[in-house]
């Protein structure tokens, strides 16, 4: 089984920064080897190459919260983000994509 991840609303949103939040719901049937978050001004869906930015984050030992503080965002701009995890059985994308509006 592949890992299961979900998105959660962003926190600490300012005109140029935000914390992107998600959750590793299940590691699946194998240890998770990689967790990333993808974001940008276009919704890249579940296609890695369609996202403007990505960042690997620490892999939790099991199910648990995920977060990444990002900066350099544009003011008053709509962004999208999605968490992604990989184990020995494959990949899991959080769905649906989470919107984030800076102010």
N, C-alpha and C. Protein backbone atom coordinates (compact mmCIF):
# COMPACT_ATOMS: atom_id res chain seq x y z
N UNK A 1 0.82 -1.20 0.00
CA UNK A 1 0.00 0.00 0.00
C UNK A 1 0.85 1.25 0.00
N UNK A 2 0.41 2.24 -0.73
CA UNK A 2 1.13 3.51 -0.79
C UNK A 2 0.77 4.38 0.41
N UNK A 3 1.59 5.39 0.72
CA UNK A 3 1.27 6.27 1.84
C UNK A 3 0.05 7.15 1.54
N UNK A 4 -0.61 7.59 2.60
CA UNK A 4 -1.77 8.48 2.47
C UNK A 4 -1.43 9.79 3.17
N UNK A 5 -1.52 10.89 2.42
CA UNK A 5 -1.27 12.22 2.96
C UNK A 5 -2.45 13.12 2.68
N UNK A 6 -2.59 14.15 3.50
CA UNK A 6 -3.66 15.13 3.29
C UNK A 6 -3.11 16.53 3.52
N UNK A 7 -3.79 17.51 2.95
CA UNK A 7 -3.44 18.91 3.13
C UNK A 7 -4.29 19.49 4.26
N UNK A 8 -3.77 20.53 4.89
CA UNK A 8 -4.51 21.28 5.90
C UNK A 8 -4.32 22.76 5.59
N UNK A 9 -5.18 23.62 6.13
CA UNK A 9 -5.03 25.05 5.85
C UNK A 9 -3.67 25.59 6.31
N UNK A 10 -3.17 26.56 5.57
CA UNK A 10 -1.91 27.21 5.92
C UNK A 10 -2.08 28.03 7.20
N UNK A 11 -0.99 28.25 7.90
CA UNK A 11 -1.02 29.06 9.11
C UNK A 11 0.06 30.14 9.01
N UNK A 12 0.03 31.08 9.94
CA UNK A 12 1.02 32.16 9.99
C UNK A 12 1.18 32.87 8.65
N UNK A 13 0.08 33.11 7.97
CA UNK A 13 0.12 33.74 6.64
C UNK A 13 0.36 35.24 6.79
N UNK A 14 1.35 35.74 6.06
CA UNK A 14 1.64 37.18 5.99
C UNK A 14 1.65 37.54 4.51
N UNK A 15 1.95 38.79 4.17
CA UNK A 15 2.01 39.13 2.74
C UNK A 15 3.06 38.33 1.95
N UNK A 16 4.14 37.85 2.60
CA UNK A 16 5.21 37.18 1.86
C UNK A 16 5.64 35.83 2.43
N UNK A 17 5.00 35.38 3.51
CA UNK A 17 5.37 34.10 4.12
C UNK A 17 4.13 33.32 4.54
N UNK A 18 4.31 32.03 4.73
CA UNK A 18 3.23 31.18 5.23
C UNK A 18 3.82 29.85 5.68
N UNK A 19 3.10 29.15 6.52
CA UNK A 19 3.45 27.79 6.89
C UNK A 19 2.44 26.86 6.22
N UNK A 20 2.94 25.99 5.34
CA UNK A 20 2.11 25.02 4.63
C UNK A 20 1.95 23.80 5.53
N UNK A 21 0.73 23.39 5.77
CA UNK A 21 0.46 22.30 6.70
C UNK A 21 -0.20 21.11 6.02
N UNK A 22 0.13 19.94 6.50
CA UNK A 22 -0.47 18.71 6.01
C UNK A 22 -0.39 17.64 7.07
N UNK A 23 -0.72 16.43 6.68
CA UNK A 23 -0.73 15.32 7.63
C UNK A 23 -0.39 14.03 6.90
N UNK A 24 0.49 13.25 7.48
CA UNK A 24 0.75 11.89 6.99
C UNK A 24 -0.24 10.99 7.71
N UNK A 25 -1.31 10.62 7.01
CA UNK A 25 -2.38 9.83 7.61
C UNK A 25 -1.97 8.38 7.83
N UNK A 26 -1.20 7.84 6.88
CA UNK A 26 -0.77 6.44 6.95
C UNK A 26 0.52 6.27 6.18
N UNK A 27 1.43 5.48 6.71
CA UNK A 27 2.68 5.20 6.00
C UNK A 27 2.48 4.13 4.93
N UNK A 28 1.30 3.50 4.91
CA UNK A 28 1.06 2.40 3.98
C UNK A 28 1.66 1.13 4.55
N UNK A 29 2.10 0.25 3.68
CA UNK A 29 2.64 -1.03 4.14
C UNK A 29 4.16 -1.06 4.17
N UNK A 30 4.78 0.12 4.09
CA UNK A 30 6.24 0.21 4.15
C UNK A 30 6.61 1.56 4.73
N UNK A 31 7.84 1.67 5.19
CA UNK A 31 8.30 2.95 5.73
C UNK A 31 8.31 4.02 4.64
N UNK A 32 7.92 5.22 5.02
CA UNK A 32 7.96 6.35 4.09
C UNK A 32 9.41 6.78 3.94
N UNK A 33 9.86 6.91 2.70
CA UNK A 33 11.25 7.26 2.42
C UNK A 33 11.43 8.72 2.02
N UNK A 34 10.34 9.39 1.63
CA UNK A 34 10.44 10.78 1.20
C UNK A 34 9.10 11.48 1.38
N UNK A 35 9.17 12.72 1.87
CA UNK A 35 7.99 13.58 1.95
C UNK A 35 8.38 14.93 1.35
N UNK A 36 7.54 15.44 0.47
CA UNK A 36 7.77 16.75 -0.14
C UNK A 36 6.47 17.54 -0.13
N UNK A 37 6.63 18.84 -0.26
CA UNK A 37 5.47 19.69 -0.50
C UNK A 37 5.77 20.48 -1.78
N UNK A 38 4.75 20.56 -2.63
CA UNK A 38 4.84 21.28 -3.91
C UNK A 38 3.92 22.48 -3.82
N UNK A 39 4.36 23.63 -4.35
CA UNK A 39 3.50 24.82 -4.34
C UNK A 39 3.80 25.72 -5.52
N UNK A 40 2.86 26.62 -5.79
CA UNK A 40 3.02 27.58 -6.87
C UNK A 40 1.71 28.31 -7.12
N UNK A 41 1.72 29.21 -8.09
CA UNK A 41 0.52 29.99 -8.40
C UNK A 41 -0.41 29.25 -9.35
N UNK A 42 0.02 28.10 -9.86
CA UNK A 42 -0.84 27.24 -10.68
C UNK A 42 -0.99 25.90 -9.97
N UNK A 43 -2.17 25.33 -10.03
CA UNK A 43 -2.43 24.02 -9.43
C UNK A 43 -1.83 22.95 -10.33
N UNK A 44 -0.73 22.35 -9.90
CA UNK A 44 -0.04 21.35 -10.69
C UNK A 44 -0.64 19.96 -10.62
N UNK A 45 -1.74 19.82 -9.85
CA UNK A 45 -2.39 18.52 -9.66
C UNK A 45 -1.37 17.50 -9.14
N UNK A 46 -1.33 16.30 -9.69
CA UNK A 46 -0.38 15.28 -9.21
C UNK A 46 0.73 15.04 -10.23
N UNK A 47 1.17 16.13 -10.88
CA UNK A 47 2.27 16.06 -11.86
C UNK A 47 3.42 16.90 -11.34
N UNK A 48 4.52 16.25 -10.94
CA UNK A 48 5.66 16.93 -10.35
C UNK A 48 6.12 18.12 -11.19
N UNK A 49 6.25 17.93 -12.49
CA UNK A 49 6.76 18.98 -13.36
C UNK A 49 5.85 20.18 -13.55
N UNK A 50 4.60 20.09 -13.09
CA UNK A 50 3.67 21.20 -13.24
C UNK A 50 3.73 22.20 -12.09
N UNK A 51 4.52 21.91 -11.06
CA UNK A 51 4.62 22.80 -9.90
C UNK A 51 5.84 23.71 -10.02
N UNK A 52 5.71 24.94 -9.54
CA UNK A 52 6.81 25.90 -9.60
C UNK A 52 7.89 25.62 -8.56
N UNK A 53 7.48 25.16 -7.37
CA UNK A 53 8.43 24.98 -6.27
C UNK A 53 8.16 23.66 -5.56
N UNK A 54 9.22 23.12 -4.98
CA UNK A 54 9.08 21.94 -4.13
C UNK A 54 10.17 21.95 -3.08
N UNK A 55 9.89 21.29 -1.98
CA UNK A 55 10.87 21.19 -0.91
C UNK A 55 10.67 19.88 -0.17
N UNK A 56 11.75 19.14 0.01
CA UNK A 56 11.69 17.93 0.83
C UNK A 56 11.62 18.35 2.30
N UNK A 57 10.86 17.60 3.08
CA UNK A 57 10.79 17.87 4.51
C UNK A 57 11.11 16.59 5.26
N UNK A 58 11.33 16.72 6.56
CA UNK A 58 11.68 15.57 7.39
C UNK A 58 10.56 14.54 7.37
N UNK A 59 10.95 13.29 7.25
CA UNK A 59 9.99 12.19 7.26
C UNK A 59 9.66 11.85 8.71
N UNK A 60 8.38 11.93 9.09
CA UNK A 60 8.03 11.56 10.47
C UNK A 60 8.17 10.04 10.64
N UNK A 61 8.36 9.58 11.89
CA UNK A 61 8.52 8.14 12.12
C UNK A 61 7.25 7.34 11.86
N UNK A 62 6.13 7.99 11.82
CA UNK A 62 4.84 7.34 11.56
C UNK A 62 3.86 8.41 11.15
N UNK A 63 2.59 8.12 11.31
CA UNK A 63 1.58 9.13 10.99
C UNK A 63 1.79 10.37 11.86
N UNK A 64 1.54 11.53 11.28
CA UNK A 64 1.72 12.76 12.05
C UNK A 64 1.65 14.00 11.19
N UNK A 65 1.77 15.13 11.85
CA UNK A 65 1.68 16.43 11.20
C UNK A 65 2.90 16.71 10.33
N UNK A 66 2.65 17.46 9.25
CA UNK A 66 3.70 17.90 8.33
C UNK A 66 3.58 19.41 8.19
N UNK A 67 4.71 20.10 8.08
CA UNK A 67 4.64 21.54 7.84
C UNK A 67 5.94 22.03 7.23
N UNK A 68 5.82 23.13 6.51
CA UNK A 68 6.98 23.79 5.92
C UNK A 68 6.72 25.28 5.89
N UNK A 69 7.62 26.06 6.48
CA UNK A 69 7.55 27.51 6.41
C UNK A 69 8.19 27.95 5.09
N UNK A 70 7.47 28.74 4.31
CA UNK A 70 7.99 29.24 3.03
C UNK A 70 8.00 30.76 3.07
N UNK A 71 8.95 31.34 2.33
CA UNK A 71 9.02 32.79 2.24
C UNK A 71 9.24 33.19 0.79
N UNK A 72 9.26 34.47 0.53
CA UNK A 72 9.42 34.95 -0.84
C UNK A 72 8.14 34.90 -1.64
N UNK A 73 7.00 34.76 -0.96
CA UNK A 73 5.72 34.74 -1.66
C UNK A 73 5.36 36.15 -2.11
N UNK A 74 4.51 36.26 -3.11
CA UNK A 74 4.05 37.55 -3.60
C UNK A 74 2.83 37.99 -2.81
N UNK A 75 2.73 39.27 -2.52
CA UNK A 75 1.59 39.78 -1.77
C UNK A 75 0.31 39.67 -2.58
N UNK A 76 -0.79 39.49 -1.87
CA UNK A 76 -2.12 39.44 -2.47
C UNK A 76 -2.18 38.49 -3.67
N UNK A 77 -1.68 37.28 -3.46
CA UNK A 77 -1.57 36.29 -4.54
C UNK A 77 -2.14 34.96 -4.09
N UNK A 78 -2.84 34.29 -4.99
CA UNK A 78 -3.38 32.97 -4.71
C UNK A 78 -2.35 31.91 -5.08
N UNK A 79 -1.98 31.09 -4.10
CA UNK A 79 -1.07 29.96 -4.29
C UNK A 79 -1.85 28.68 -4.06
N UNK A 80 -1.24 27.58 -4.49
CA UNK A 80 -1.78 26.25 -4.27
C UNK A 80 -0.64 25.38 -3.74
N UNK A 81 -0.97 24.37 -2.93
CA UNK A 81 0.06 23.44 -2.49
C UNK A 81 -0.53 22.06 -2.26
N UNK A 82 0.40 21.08 -2.30
CA UNK A 82 0.04 19.68 -2.12
C UNK A 82 1.20 18.93 -1.49
N UNK A 83 0.90 18.11 -0.50
CA UNK A 83 1.91 17.25 0.09
C UNK A 83 1.98 15.93 -0.69
N UNK A 84 3.16 15.29 -0.61
CA UNK A 84 3.47 14.11 -1.41
C UNK A 84 4.37 13.22 -0.57
N UNK A 85 4.12 11.92 -0.58
CA UNK A 85 4.95 10.98 0.18
C UNK A 85 5.21 9.74 -0.66
N UNK A 86 6.34 9.09 -0.41
CA UNK A 86 6.76 7.90 -1.15
C UNK A 86 7.18 6.80 -0.17
N UNK A 87 6.77 5.57 -0.47
CA UNK A 87 7.31 4.41 0.23
C UNK A 87 7.68 3.35 -0.81
N UNK A 88 8.02 2.16 -0.38
CA UNK A 88 8.44 1.11 -1.31
C UNK A 88 7.36 0.64 -2.27
N UNK A 89 6.10 0.97 -1.99
CA UNK A 89 4.99 0.56 -2.86
C UNK A 89 4.58 1.63 -3.87
N UNK A 90 5.06 2.86 -3.67
CA UNK A 90 4.70 3.92 -4.61
C UNK A 90 4.53 5.25 -3.93
N UNK A 91 3.78 6.13 -4.59
CA UNK A 91 3.61 7.50 -4.14
C UNK A 91 2.17 7.78 -3.75
N UNK A 92 2.02 8.76 -2.87
CA UNK A 92 0.71 9.23 -2.48
C UNK A 92 0.68 10.75 -2.51
N UNK A 93 -0.34 11.30 -3.16
CA UNK A 93 -0.55 12.75 -3.22
C UNK A 93 -1.73 13.12 -2.35
N UNK A 94 -1.60 14.23 -1.63
CA UNK A 94 -2.74 14.77 -0.90
C UNK A 94 -3.73 15.35 -1.91
N UNK A 95 -4.99 15.13 -1.67
CA UNK A 95 -6.01 15.64 -2.57
C UNK A 95 -7.23 16.06 -1.76
N UNK A 96 -7.89 17.13 -2.08
CA UNK A 96 -7.62 18.02 -3.21
C UNK A 96 -6.47 18.99 -2.89
N UNK A 97 -6.05 19.72 -3.88
CA UNK A 97 -5.03 20.75 -3.71
C UNK A 97 -5.55 21.82 -2.75
N UNK A 98 -4.65 22.32 -1.91
CA UNK A 98 -5.03 23.33 -0.91
C UNK A 98 -4.70 24.73 -1.41
N UNK A 99 -5.68 25.66 -1.37
CA UNK A 99 -5.39 27.04 -1.76
C UNK A 99 -4.81 27.84 -0.59
N UNK A 100 -4.07 28.87 -0.92
CA UNK A 100 -3.48 29.78 0.07
C UNK A 100 -3.49 31.18 -0.55
N UNK A 101 -4.10 32.13 0.12
CA UNK A 101 -4.14 33.50 -0.37
C UNK A 101 -3.31 34.38 0.56
N UNK A 102 -2.24 34.98 0.03
CA UNK A 102 -1.47 35.93 0.82
C UNK A 102 -2.22 37.25 0.83
N UNK A 103 -1.86 38.14 1.72
CA UNK A 103 -2.55 39.43 1.82
C UNK A 103 -1.59 40.58 1.71
